[in-house]
Amino acid sequence: MKVRAGMMRWWCKMSDPILEFNNVDIEYQTRGDNAVHAVNDATFTIDEHDYFGLVGESGCGKSTIADAIVGGLDDNGEISSGTIRYKGTEIQNYSESQFNKEIRWKEISVIPQSSMNSLDPVMKLSQQAVEIAKYHTDLSKAEAIDRLRELFDVVGLSESRIHDYPHQFSGGMQQRAIIAFSLFLQPSLIIADEPTTALDVIMQDQILDHINSLKEEWEISMLMITHDISVVFENCDTMAVMHGGQIAEAGNVVDLFDRPRHPYAILLQNAFPDVRYPDRELAVIEGHPPQLREKPDFCTFADRCPWSIAECYEGAPDPQSVEGDEDHQAWCIRANEMDELAADHLTKPAEGRSILEDIQ
């Protein structure tokens, strides 16, 4: 596993957070009076110029959080409580017109899961750039095309391809084109939702290289959403692990790599192979997350957790500081026991240094 150059700077706090997600509940109404409580009491912060990873299995609420940030929830979805602050301003109650005018593209842009469904198949890419500029900027047609040409160079595409149609690009080239469009209005925050889905491993690495190069060149922040915890360890500065609509653990990637303290974070990390330990038996997380037809008043991982006790079902867990570190939080009542309880699943770093430093 490679370690990116910027990843070890997690301790360099910038100014005010660019995004604050505070105690947010998100529900989807279904037929009748029923609701699915997709996200429950979720809290995390993304600092300026921070690459933040949100990881968890499919259906845990990751993409719902991304949709909520840009006002993209389905018609049956709503933020029922909590606040979302972008650059200090609450945006959770913004109207569609407010999101279009103040947030989308120019402040927060999105690299979606499927690039092939995000580009208009009957319009040349240059035409699509002109449309974006028409509705969101004062750029002329020529200026919009020139900007797209510059961004194609940034993401490693030939400038001569700006007048091609999407079907003339490979999947990896389409994804790079989407990255170019995400930068078009020079946003402060980019949400990358499974940005390497459906790409082969070589193209995945190239796309991640392009995403990481933006950090120094464009001074942006990133919310990277993925089910692959190794991608987060490799590319992000801080992170949160989700399970069943709840945040399970949050902190900088070094701490969550070296000192995971939520059972789900521990088992998830050990479910991925590690080239340093080729003979290690991979962890298996048995069972399924709850259906969340009611707001959970328990730890949603309790049924799957090998270390759960009766108290795990007696209330949704509050965050616990790991070993007194306020920047490393685990939503588990046994967080500070996990070092002993899960000893067989934890790999200890060399004394005085991080395993990530050893890999680097």
Protein backbone atom coordinates (compact mmCIF):
# COMPACT_ATOMS: atom_id res chain seq x y z
CA MET A 1 0.00 0.00 0.00
CA LYS A 2 1.39 3.36 -1.02
CA VAL A 3 1.19 6.38 1.25
CA ARG A 4 0.56 9.74 -0.38
CA ALA A 5 2.82 12.65 0.43
CA GLY A 6 0.16 14.78 2.07
CA MET A 7 -1.35 12.12 4.26
CA MET A 8 0.93 12.51 7.27
CA ARG A 9 0.00 16.18 7.75
CA TRP A 10 -3.17 15.37 9.68
CA TRP A 11 -1.99 17.31 12.72
CA CYS A 12 -1.85 20.64 10.83
CA LYS A 13 -5.30 22.03 11.65
CA MET A 14 -6.36 24.82 9.35
CA SER A 15 -8.79 27.61 10.21
CA ASP A 16 -12.52 27.06 10.68
CA PRO A 17 -14.03 23.82 9.36
CA ILE A 18 -15.31 23.92 5.82
CA LEU A 19 -18.12 21.45 6.60
CA GLU A 20 -19.76 20.57 9.92
CA PHE A 21 -22.23 17.69 10.02
CA ASN A 22 -23.83 17.84 13.46
CA ASN A 23 -26.21 15.22 14.94
CA VAL A 24 -27.98 14.72 11.62
CA ASP A 25 -30.94 12.35 11.17
CA ILE A 26 -32.14 11.55 7.64
CA GLU A 27 -35.34 9.65 6.89
CA TYR A 28 -36.96 8.24 3.77
CA GLN A 29 -40.76 7.98 3.80
CA THR A 30 -42.17 4.76 2.38
CA ARG A 31 -45.73 3.64 1.73
CA GLY A 32 -48.13 4.37 4.54
CA ASP A 33 -46.67 6.10 7.56
CA ASN A 34 -43.50 4.04 7.59
CA ALA A 35 -40.02 5.54 7.34
CA VAL A 36 -36.50 4.25 6.87
CA HIS A 37 -34.08 5.96 9.26
CA ALA A 38 -31.11 5.94 6.91
CA VAL A 39 -28.78 8.19 8.95
CA ASN A 40 -28.96 8.64 12.71
CA ASP A 41 -27.25 11.27 14.85
CA ALA A 42 -24.30 11.46 12.46
CA THR A 43 -21.53 13.89 13.37
CA PHE A 44 -18.23 14.67 11.65
CA THR A 45 -16.16 17.69 10.58
CA ILE A 46 -14.10 18.38 7.47
CA ASP A 47 -11.39 21.00 7.88
CA GLU A 48 -10.20 23.32 5.15
CA HIS A 49 -7.84 21.56 2.69
CA ASP A 50 -8.61 18.23 4.39
CA TYR A 51 -9.20 14.97 2.51
CA PHE A 52 -11.85 13.19 4.58
CA GLY A 53 -12.85 9.58 3.94
CA LEU A 54 -16.27 8.13 4.74
CA VAL A 55 -16.17 4.35 4.64
CA GLY A 56 -18.66 1.57 5.25
CA GLU A 57 -20.53 -1.24 3.55
CA SER A 58 -23.27 -0.68 0.98
CA GLY A 59 -26.48 0.69 2.47
CA CYS A 60 -24.90 2.20 5.58
CA GLY A 61 -25.88 5.77 4.67
CA LYS A 62 -22.72 7.14 2.99
CA SER A 63 -24.31 8.32 -0.26
CA THR A 64 -27.36 9.62 1.62
CA ILE A 65 -25.02 11.93 3.53
CA ALA A 66 -23.47 13.13 0.26
CA ASP A 67 -26.92 13.81 -1.22
CA ALA A 68 -27.96 15.74 1.88
CA ILE A 69 -24.93 18.02 1.68
CA VAL A 70 -25.80 19.20 -1.85
CA GLY A 71 -29.58 19.12 -1.46
CA GLY A 72 -29.90 16.04 -3.62
CA LEU A 73 -32.09 13.78 -1.49
CA ASP A 74 -34.95 12.04 -3.27
CA ASP A 75 -38.41 13.55 -2.91
CA ASN A 76 -39.25 11.10 -0.12
CA GLY A 77 -36.07 11.93 1.84
CA GLU A 78 -35.68 14.63 4.46
CA ILE A 79 -33.28 15.84 7.11
CA SER A 80 -35.45 15.40 10.19
CA SER A 81 -32.99 16.88 12.71
CA GLY A 82 -29.49 18.21 13.09
CA THR A 83 -27.52 20.83 11.21
CA ILE A 84 -25.21 20.96 8.19
CA ARG A 85 -22.93 23.99 8.13
CA TYR A 86 -20.87 24.94 5.11
CA LYS A 87 -18.27 27.62 5.85
CA GLY A 88 -20.22 28.45 9.01
CA THR A 89 -23.63 28.83 7.31
CA GLU A 90 -26.46 26.36 7.89
CA ILE A 91 -27.58 24.87 4.58
CA GLN A 92 -29.79 21.94 5.57
CA ASN A 93 -32.96 23.97 4.93
CA TYR A 94 -31.86 25.61 1.69
CA SER A 95 -34.36 25.61 -1.15
CA GLU A 96 -33.60 24.10 -4.55
CA SER A 97 -32.93 27.57 -5.97
CA GLN A 98 -30.58 28.42 -3.08
CA PHE A 99 -28.58 25.24 -3.64
CA ASN A 100 -28.34 25.99 -7.36
CA LYS A 101 -27.38 29.61 -6.85
CA GLU A 102 -25.03 29.36 -3.88
CA ILE A 103 -23.76 25.78 -3.40
CA ARG A 104 -23.81 23.37 -6.34
CA TRP A 105 -20.82 23.44 -8.71
CA LYS A 106 -19.37 26.76 -7.52
CA GLU A 107 -18.89 25.79 -3.85
CA ILE A 108 -19.44 22.03 -3.70
CA SER A 109 -19.15 19.74 -6.70
CA VAL A 110 -19.61 16.00 -7.01
CA ILE A 111 -17.68 13.22 -8.71
CA PRO A 112 -20.50 10.62 -8.91
CA GLN A 113 -20.29 6.84 -8.80
CA SER A 114 -21.00 6.29 -12.48
CA SER A 115 -19.44 8.71 -14.94
CA MET A 116 -21.26 7.05 -17.82
CA ASN A 117 -24.59 8.14 -16.34
CA SER A 118 -23.38 11.66 -15.56
CA LEU A 119 -22.37 12.92 -18.99
CA ASP A 120 -25.03 13.82 -21.55
CA PRO A 121 -24.57 11.21 -24.31
CA VAL A 122 -25.90 13.47 -27.10
CA MET A 123 -23.78 16.54 -26.32
CA LYS A 124 -20.11 17.12 -26.95
CA LEU A 125 -18.16 17.76 -23.77
CA SER A 126 -17.42 21.30 -24.88
CA GLN A 127 -21.16 21.93 -25.26
CA GLN A 128 -21.76 20.61 -21.75
CA ALA A 129 -19.13 23.01 -20.42
CA VAL A 130 -20.86 25.90 -22.16
CA GLU A 131 -24.18 24.89 -20.54
CA ILE A 132 -22.61 24.85 -17.07
CA ALA A 133 -21.08 28.26 -17.67
CA LYS A 134 -24.36 29.64 -19.00
CA TYR A 135 -26.31 28.83 -15.84
CA HIS A 136 -23.65 29.38 -13.20
CA THR A 137 -21.16 32.00 -14.46
CA ASP A 138 -20.69 35.05 -16.65
CA LEU A 139 -18.17 33.26 -18.83
CA SER A 140 -18.54 33.59 -22.58
CA LYS A 141 -18.74 30.50 -24.78
CA ALA A 142 -15.09 30.90 -25.79
CA GLU A 143 -13.98 31.38 -22.18
CA ALA A 144 -15.89 28.28 -21.05
CA ILE A 145 -14.27 26.16 -23.75
CA ASP A 146 -10.83 27.54 -22.88
CA ARG A 147 -11.39 26.66 -19.22
CA LEU A 148 -12.40 23.09 -20.12
CA ARG A 149 -9.31 22.82 -22.31
CA GLU A 150 -7.13 23.84 -19.36
CA LEU A 151 -8.84 21.35 -17.05
CA PHE A 152 -8.41 18.51 -19.54
CA ASP A 153 -4.69 19.15 -19.32
CA VAL A 154 -4.91 19.06 -15.49
CA VAL A 155 -6.53 15.61 -15.46
CA GLY A 156 -4.30 14.14 -18.16
CA LEU A 157 -6.63 14.27 -21.15
CA SER A 158 -5.66 15.64 -24.54
CA GLU A 159 -7.02 19.15 -25.04
CA SER A 160 -8.02 18.16 -28.57
CA ARG A 161 -10.67 15.79 -27.14
CA ILE A 162 -12.92 18.50 -25.67
CA HIS A 163 -15.18 18.43 -28.75
CA ASP A 164 -15.73 14.65 -28.57
CA TYR A 165 -18.87 12.89 -27.37
CA PRO A 166 -18.81 10.82 -24.14
CA HIS A 167 -19.09 7.50 -26.01
CA GLN A 168 -15.75 8.23 -27.68
CA PHE A 169 -14.01 7.98 -24.29
CA SER A 170 -13.06 4.90 -22.29
CA GLY A 171 -14.49 4.49 -18.79
CA GLY A 172 -11.33 5.85 -17.19
CA MET A 173 -11.24 8.82 -19.56
CA GLN A 174 -14.88 9.58 -18.80
CA GLN A 175 -14.09 9.57 -15.09
CA ARG A 176 -11.23 12.00 -15.66
CA ALA A 177 -13.59 14.19 -17.69
CA ILE A 178 -16.00 14.20 -14.73
CA ILE A 179 -13.14 15.32 -12.47
CA ALA A 180 -12.46 18.15 -14.91
CA PHE A 181 -16.12 19.22 -14.77
CA SER A 182 -16.08 19.03 -10.97
CA LEU A 183 -13.28 21.62 -11.00
CA PHE A 184 -14.92 23.82 -13.61
CA LEU A 185 -16.26 26.46 -11.19
CA GLN A 186 -13.31 26.18 -8.80
CA PRO A 187 -15.23 24.76 -5.79
CA SER A 188 -13.86 24.61 -2.26
CA LEU A 189 -15.18 21.09 -1.56
CA ILE A 190 -15.45 18.09 -3.85
CA ILE A 191 -17.51 15.03 -2.95
CA ALA A 192 -16.08 11.92 -4.61
CA ASP A 193 -18.68 9.15 -4.31
CA GLU A 194 -16.99 5.82 -5.09
CA PRO A 195 -14.84 7.56 -7.75
CA THR A 196 -13.13 4.37 -8.95
CA THR A 197 -16.16 2.07 -9.15
CA ALA A 198 -16.15 -0.21 -12.23
CA LEU A 199 -12.56 0.69 -13.17
CA ASP A 200 -9.71 -1.79 -13.39
CA VAL A 201 -6.99 -1.56 -10.75
CA ILE A 202 -4.51 0.27 -12.98
CA MET A 203 -7.06 2.90 -13.94
CA GLN A 204 -8.18 3.15 -10.29
CA ASP A 205 -4.64 4.08 -9.31
CA GLN A 206 -4.39 6.66 -12.10
CA ILE A 207 -7.69 8.29 -11.08
CA LEU A 208 -6.64 8.42 -7.43
CA ASP A 209 -3.32 9.96 -8.48
CA HIS A 210 -5.21 12.72 -10.31
CA ILE A 211 -7.50 13.28 -7.32
CA ASN A 212 -4.54 13.55 -4.96
CA SER A 213 -2.66 15.93 -7.22
CA LEU A 214 -5.53 18.41 -6.84
CA LYS A 215 -4.81 18.87 -3.14
CA GLU A 216 -1.62 20.84 -3.59
CA GLU A 217 -2.43 22.46 -6.92
CA TRP A 218 -6.00 23.58 -6.15
CA GLU A 219 -6.06 23.76 -2.33
CA ILE A 220 -9.44 22.04 -2.14
CA SER A 221 -11.12 19.85 0.45
CA MET A 222 -12.45 16.40 -0.38
CA LEU A 223 -15.13 14.09 0.98
CA MET A 224 -14.23 10.68 -0.41
CA ILE A 225 -16.95 8.05 -0.04
CA THR A 226 -16.05 4.40 -0.49
CA HIS A 227 -16.62 0.88 0.84
CA ASP A 228 -12.87 0.20 0.55
CA ILE A 229 -11.12 1.18 3.77
CA SER A 230 -7.70 0.73 2.17
CA VAL A 231 -8.46 3.52 -0.33
CA VAL A 232 -9.21 5.84 2.58
CA PHE A 233 -6.03 4.86 4.45
CA GLU A 234 -4.01 5.53 1.32
CA ASN A 235 -5.56 8.80 0.18
CA CYS A 236 -7.15 10.67 3.08
CA ASP A 237 -6.04 12.70 6.09
CA THR A 238 -9.04 12.07 8.35
CA MET A 239 -11.92 9.62 8.18
CA ALA A 240 -15.08 8.19 9.68
CA VAL A 241 -16.38 4.62 9.60
CA MET A 242 -20.15 4.08 9.28
CA HIS A 243 -22.36 1.11 10.08
CA GLY A 244 -26.14 0.86 9.94
CA GLY A 245 -26.74 4.60 9.64
CA GLN A 246 -24.48 5.46 12.59
CA ILE A 247 -20.95 6.85 12.72
CA ALA A 248 -18.87 4.13 14.40
CA GLU A 249 -15.46 5.79 14.67
CA ALA A 250 -13.80 9.00 13.48
CA GLY A 251 -10.34 10.53 13.61
CA ASN A 252 -7.17 10.85 11.58
CA VAL A 253 -6.19 7.92 9.39
CA VAL A 254 -3.04 7.16 11.37
CA ASP A 255 -4.99 6.62 14.58
CA LEU A 256 -7.72 4.56 12.92
CA PHE A 257 -5.10 2.43 11.21
CA ASP A 258 -2.96 1.91 14.31
CA ARG A 259 -5.58 2.13 17.06
CA PRO A 260 -9.09 1.24 15.82
CA ARG A 261 -11.40 1.01 18.80
CA HIS A 262 -14.87 0.32 17.40
CA PRO A 263 -15.46 -3.40 16.75
CA TYR A 264 -16.75 -2.74 13.24
CA ALA A 265 -13.68 -0.64 12.34
CA ILE A 266 -11.42 -3.39 13.69
CA LEU A 267 -13.12 -6.18 11.78
CA LEU A 268 -13.50 -4.13 8.59
CA GLN A 269 -9.79 -3.35 8.55
CA ASN A 270 -8.98 -7.03 9.03
CA ALA A 271 -11.37 -8.10 6.26
CA PHE A 272 -8.92 -6.69 3.69
CA PRO A 273 -5.71 -8.52 2.73
CA ASP A 274 -2.38 -7.03 3.77
CA VAL A 275 0.72 -7.76 1.66
CA ARG A 276 2.83 -7.68 4.82
CA TYR A 277 0.88 -10.59 6.32
CA PRO A 278 0.01 -12.90 3.40
CA ASP A 279 -0.85 -15.81 5.70
CA ARG A 280 -3.15 -13.85 7.98
CA GLU A 281 -6.71 -15.17 8.08
CA LEU A 282 -9.13 -12.46 6.99
CA ALA A 283 -11.90 -11.42 9.35
CA VAL A 284 -15.48 -12.26 8.46
CA ILE A 285 -18.28 -9.99 9.65
CA GLU A 286 -21.25 -12.28 10.12
CA GLY A 287 -24.89 -11.23 9.94
CA HIS A 288 -26.61 -8.22 8.41
CA PRO A 289 -27.21 -4.63 9.51
CA PRO A 290 -30.69 -3.82 10.89
CA GLN A 291 -33.51 -2.64 8.61
CA LEU A 292 -33.87 0.69 10.49
CA ARG A 293 -37.65 0.89 10.22
CA GLU A 294 -37.50 2.71 13.55
CA LYS A 295 -34.90 5.14 14.84
CA PRO A 296 -32.35 2.90 16.55
CA ASP A 297 -31.98 3.33 20.31
CA PHE A 298 -29.11 0.82 20.35
CA CYS A 299 -25.78 0.23 18.66
CA THR A 300 -26.61 -0.94 15.13
CA PHE A 301 -23.57 -3.24 15.17
CA ALA A 302 -24.55 -5.03 18.38
CA ASP A 303 -26.10 -8.08 16.66
CA ARG A 304 -22.94 -8.62 14.59
CA CYS A 305 -20.39 -7.75 17.25
CA PRO A 306 -18.43 -10.57 18.92
CA TRP A 307 -17.91 -8.37 22.00
CA SER A 308 -21.43 -6.97 22.50
CA ILE A 309 -23.07 -7.03 25.93
CA ALA A 310 -26.55 -6.22 27.22
CA GLU A 311 -25.74 -2.53 27.62
CA CYS A 312 -25.13 -2.25 23.87
CA TYR A 313 -28.90 -2.57 23.36
CA GLU A 314 -29.86 -0.03 26.01
CA GLY A 315 -29.30 3.17 24.06
CA ALA A 316 -27.58 4.57 20.99
CA PRO A 317 -23.88 4.94 21.91
CA ASP A 318 -22.32 8.30 22.62
CA PRO A 319 -18.83 9.07 21.31
CA GLN A 320 -15.94 8.04 23.53
CA SER A 321 -12.54 9.73 23.32
CA VAL A 322 -9.91 7.10 22.60
CA GLU A 323 -7.16 7.22 25.22
CA GLY A 324 -8.06 10.83 26.00
CA ASP A 325 -7.64 12.01 22.40
CA GLU A 326 -10.57 14.33 21.60
CA ASP A 327 -9.81 14.08 17.87
CA HIS A 328 -10.23 10.29 17.91
CA GLN A 329 -13.79 9.25 18.78
CA ALA A 330 -15.44 5.82 18.88
CA TRP A 331 -19.18 5.36 19.28
CA CYS A 332 -18.85 2.26 21.43
CA ILE A 333 -19.37 1.83 25.17
CA ARG A 334 -16.44 -0.62 25.25
CA ALA A 335 -14.07 1.47 23.12
CA ASN A 336 -11.39 1.71 25.77
CA GLU A 337 -11.53 -2.06 26.39
CA MET A 338 -11.01 -2.99 22.73
CA ASP A 339 -7.23 -3.04 23.00
CA GLU A 340 -7.55 -6.17 25.14
CA LEU A 341 -10.85 -7.61 23.87
CA ALA A 342 -9.75 -7.61 20.22
CA ALA A 343 -6.06 -8.31 20.75
CA ASP A 344 -6.06 -11.09 18.14
CA HIS A 345 -7.36 -8.65 15.51
CA LEU A 346 -5.05 -5.72 16.24
CA THR A 347 -1.61 -5.31 14.70
CA LYS A 348 0.65 -3.25 16.94
CA PRO A 349 2.89 -0.55 15.41
CA ALA A 350 6.57 -0.49 16.12
CA GLU A 351 7.28 1.45 19.30
CA GLY A 352 7.15 5.20 18.77
CA ARG A 353 5.96 5.14 15.15
CA SER A 354 2.92 4.41 13.03
CA ILE A 355 2.56 1.33 10.84
CA LEU A 356 1.74 3.76 8.03
CA GLU A 357 5.18 5.31 8.54
CA ASP A 358 6.73 1.87 8.35
CA ILE A 359 4.95 1.22 5.04
CA GLN A 360 6.03 4.60 3.71
